[in-house]
Amino acid sequence: MSRKVTIECKSCKKEVEVTQSSKFKRKYCDPCSAKNKKEWKEWEKNRWKLTVDDCEDDD
């Protein structure tokens, strides 16, 4: 069951009304969510190019 709720987007910090299911809490507004999804798909498509040298060292 979906319902309308008001959240503060973790990305743009705006207070927006979004449709949320009872199972998962929304963290992002619709535009930021779409942007994150697009960036994730780009990263996922190119992750095979990632090498050990690209990773940061925590020392």
N, C-alpha and C. Protein backbone atom coordinates (compact mmCIF):
# COMPACT_ATOMS: atom_id res chain seq x y z
N MET A 1 0.84 -1.18 0.00
CA MET A 1 0.00 0.00 0.00
C MET A 1 0.88 1.25 0.00
N SER A 2 0.63 2.15 -0.90
CA SER A 2 1.41 3.38 -1.01
C SER A 2 0.66 4.54 -0.38
N ARG A 3 1.42 5.48 0.12
CA ARG A 3 0.81 6.68 0.70
C ARG A 3 1.73 7.87 0.49
N LYS A 4 1.16 9.06 0.56
CA LYS A 4 1.93 10.29 0.39
C LYS A 4 2.50 10.70 1.75
N VAL A 5 3.79 10.98 1.77
CA VAL A 5 4.47 11.45 2.98
C VAL A 5 5.39 12.61 2.62
N THR A 6 5.72 13.41 3.61
CA THR A 6 6.66 14.50 3.43
C THR A 6 8.00 14.08 4.02
N ILE A 7 9.05 14.19 3.21
CA ILE A 7 10.40 13.83 3.66
C ILE A 7 11.36 14.96 3.35
N GLU A 8 12.53 14.93 3.99
CA GLU A 8 13.61 15.84 3.62
C GLU A 8 14.60 15.02 2.80
N CYS A 9 14.81 15.42 1.56
CA CYS A 9 15.70 14.70 0.65
C CYS A 9 17.13 14.76 1.19
N LYS A 10 17.80 13.63 1.24
CA LYS A 10 19.18 13.59 1.76
C LYS A 10 20.18 14.20 0.79
N SER A 11 19.80 14.35 -0.46
CA SER A 11 20.71 14.89 -1.45
C SER A 11 20.58 16.42 -1.57
N CYS A 12 19.37 16.88 -1.85
CA CYS A 12 19.18 18.32 -2.08
C CYS A 12 18.65 19.06 -0.85
N LYS A 13 18.33 18.34 0.22
CA LYS A 13 17.88 18.91 1.50
C LYS A 13 16.55 19.66 1.43
N LYS A 14 15.79 19.46 0.33
CA LYS A 14 14.48 20.09 0.22
C LYS A 14 13.44 19.21 0.88
N GLU A 15 12.39 19.83 1.40
CA GLU A 15 11.29 19.07 1.95
C GLU A 15 10.27 18.86 0.85
N VAL A 16 9.98 17.61 0.52
CA VAL A 16 9.10 17.28 -0.60
C VAL A 16 8.10 16.20 -0.18
N GLU A 17 7.02 16.15 -0.93
CA GLU A 17 6.02 15.11 -0.71
C GLU A 17 6.23 14.02 -1.75
N VAL A 18 6.37 12.77 -1.29
CA VAL A 18 6.62 11.64 -2.17
C VAL A 18 5.66 10.51 -1.85
N THR A 19 5.49 9.60 -2.80
CA THR A 19 4.70 8.41 -2.57
C THR A 19 5.63 7.34 -2.02
N GLN A 20 5.25 6.76 -0.90
CA GLN A 20 6.12 5.80 -0.22
C GLN A 20 5.35 4.53 0.08
N SER A 21 5.99 3.39 -0.13
CA SER A 21 5.35 2.13 0.23
C SER A 21 5.57 1.88 1.72
N SER A 22 4.79 1.01 2.29
CA SER A 22 4.94 0.73 3.71
C SER A 22 6.18 -0.11 3.99
N LYS A 23 6.74 -0.73 2.95
CA LYS A 23 7.90 -1.59 3.12
C LYS A 23 9.21 -0.81 3.20
N PHE A 24 9.37 0.20 2.35
CA PHE A 24 10.63 0.93 2.26
C PHE A 24 10.40 2.42 2.49
N LYS A 25 11.28 3.03 3.30
CA LYS A 25 11.23 4.46 3.55
C LYS A 25 12.01 5.18 2.46
N ARG A 26 11.43 6.24 1.91
CA ARG A 26 12.11 7.03 0.88
C ARG A 26 13.11 7.96 1.54
N LYS A 27 14.27 8.12 0.91
CA LYS A 27 15.30 9.04 1.39
C LYS A 27 15.51 10.20 0.45
N TYR A 28 15.11 10.03 -0.83
CA TYR A 28 15.39 11.03 -1.85
C TYR A 28 14.11 11.44 -2.58
N CYS A 29 14.09 12.68 -3.06
CA CYS A 29 12.97 13.15 -3.88
C CYS A 29 13.05 12.48 -5.25
N ASP A 30 12.01 12.60 -6.04
CA ASP A 30 11.96 11.93 -7.34
C ASP A 30 13.09 12.36 -8.29
N PRO A 31 13.37 13.67 -8.43
CA PRO A 31 14.48 14.07 -9.34
C PRO A 31 15.84 13.54 -8.88
N CYS A 32 16.13 13.60 -7.57
CA CYS A 32 17.42 13.11 -7.06
C CYS A 32 17.49 11.59 -7.19
N SER A 33 16.38 10.93 -6.97
CA SER A 33 16.32 9.49 -7.11
C SER A 33 16.63 9.07 -8.55
N ALA A 34 16.05 9.77 -9.50
CA ALA A 34 16.30 9.47 -10.92
C ALA A 34 17.76 9.73 -11.28
N LYS A 35 18.33 10.81 -10.75
CA LYS A 35 19.74 11.14 -11.01
C LYS A 35 20.65 10.06 -10.42
N ASN A 36 20.37 9.61 -9.20
CA ASN A 36 21.18 8.57 -8.57
C ASN A 36 21.09 7.26 -9.34
N LYS A 37 19.90 6.94 -9.81
CA LYS A 37 19.70 5.71 -10.56
C LYS A 37 20.50 5.75 -11.87
N LYS A 38 20.49 6.90 -12.54
CA LYS A 38 21.24 7.05 -13.80
C LYS A 38 22.74 6.92 -13.54
N GLU A 39 23.23 7.57 -12.48
CA GLU A 39 24.66 7.50 -12.16
C GLU A 39 25.06 6.07 -11.80
N TRP A 40 24.19 5.36 -11.07
CA TRP A 40 24.50 3.99 -10.69
C TRP A 40 24.58 3.10 -11.93
N LYS A 41 23.66 3.28 -12.88
CA LYS A 41 23.68 2.48 -14.10
C LYS A 41 24.96 2.74 -14.90
N GLU A 42 25.40 3.99 -14.96
CA GLU A 42 26.65 4.33 -15.64
C GLU A 42 27.83 3.64 -14.97
N TRP A 43 27.87 3.72 -13.64
CA TRP A 43 28.96 3.10 -12.91
C TRP A 43 28.93 1.59 -13.11
N GLU A 44 27.76 0.99 -13.01
CA GLU A 44 27.62 -0.46 -13.15
C GLU A 44 28.08 -0.94 -14.53
N LYS A 45 27.78 -0.15 -15.55
CA LYS A 45 28.15 -0.50 -16.92
C LYS A 45 29.68 -0.46 -17.11
N ASN A 46 30.35 0.44 -16.38
CA ASN A 46 31.79 0.64 -16.57
C ASN A 46 32.65 0.07 -15.44
N ARG A 47 32.06 -0.64 -14.49
CA ARG A 47 32.84 -1.08 -13.33
C ARG A 47 33.92 -2.10 -13.68
N TRP A 48 33.75 -2.78 -14.80
CA TRP A 48 34.77 -3.75 -15.19
C TRP A 48 36.10 -3.08 -15.49
N LYS A 49 36.08 -1.76 -15.73
CA LYS A 49 37.30 -1.02 -16.02
C LYS A 49 38.07 -0.65 -14.75
N LEU A 50 37.44 -0.80 -13.59
CA LEU A 50 38.04 -0.42 -12.31
C LEU A 50 39.25 -1.31 -12.01
N THR A 51 40.34 -0.69 -11.60
CA THR A 51 41.54 -1.44 -11.25
C THR A 51 41.90 -1.18 -9.79
N VAL A 52 42.83 -1.93 -9.27
CA VAL A 52 43.27 -1.75 -7.89
C VAL A 52 43.87 -0.36 -7.70
N ASP A 53 44.52 0.16 -8.70
CA ASP A 53 45.14 1.48 -8.62
C ASP A 53 44.11 2.59 -8.46
N ASP A 54 42.85 2.36 -8.89
CA ASP A 54 41.81 3.36 -8.78
C ASP A 54 41.25 3.48 -7.36
N CYS A 55 41.45 2.45 -6.55
CA CYS A 55 40.91 2.43 -5.19
C CYS A 55 41.81 3.22 -4.24
N GLU A 56 41.19 3.81 -3.22
CA GLU A 56 41.95 4.57 -2.24
C GLU A 56 42.49 3.64 -1.16
N ASP A 57 43.63 3.98 -0.62
CA ASP A 57 44.24 3.20 0.45
C ASP A 57 43.89 3.85 1.78
N ASP A 58 43.49 3.07 2.78
CA ASP A 58 43.07 3.63 4.07
C ASP A 58 44.20 3.77 5.08
N ASP A 59 45.43 3.69 4.66
CA ASP A 59 46.57 3.78 5.60
C ASP A 59 46.74 5.16 6.15
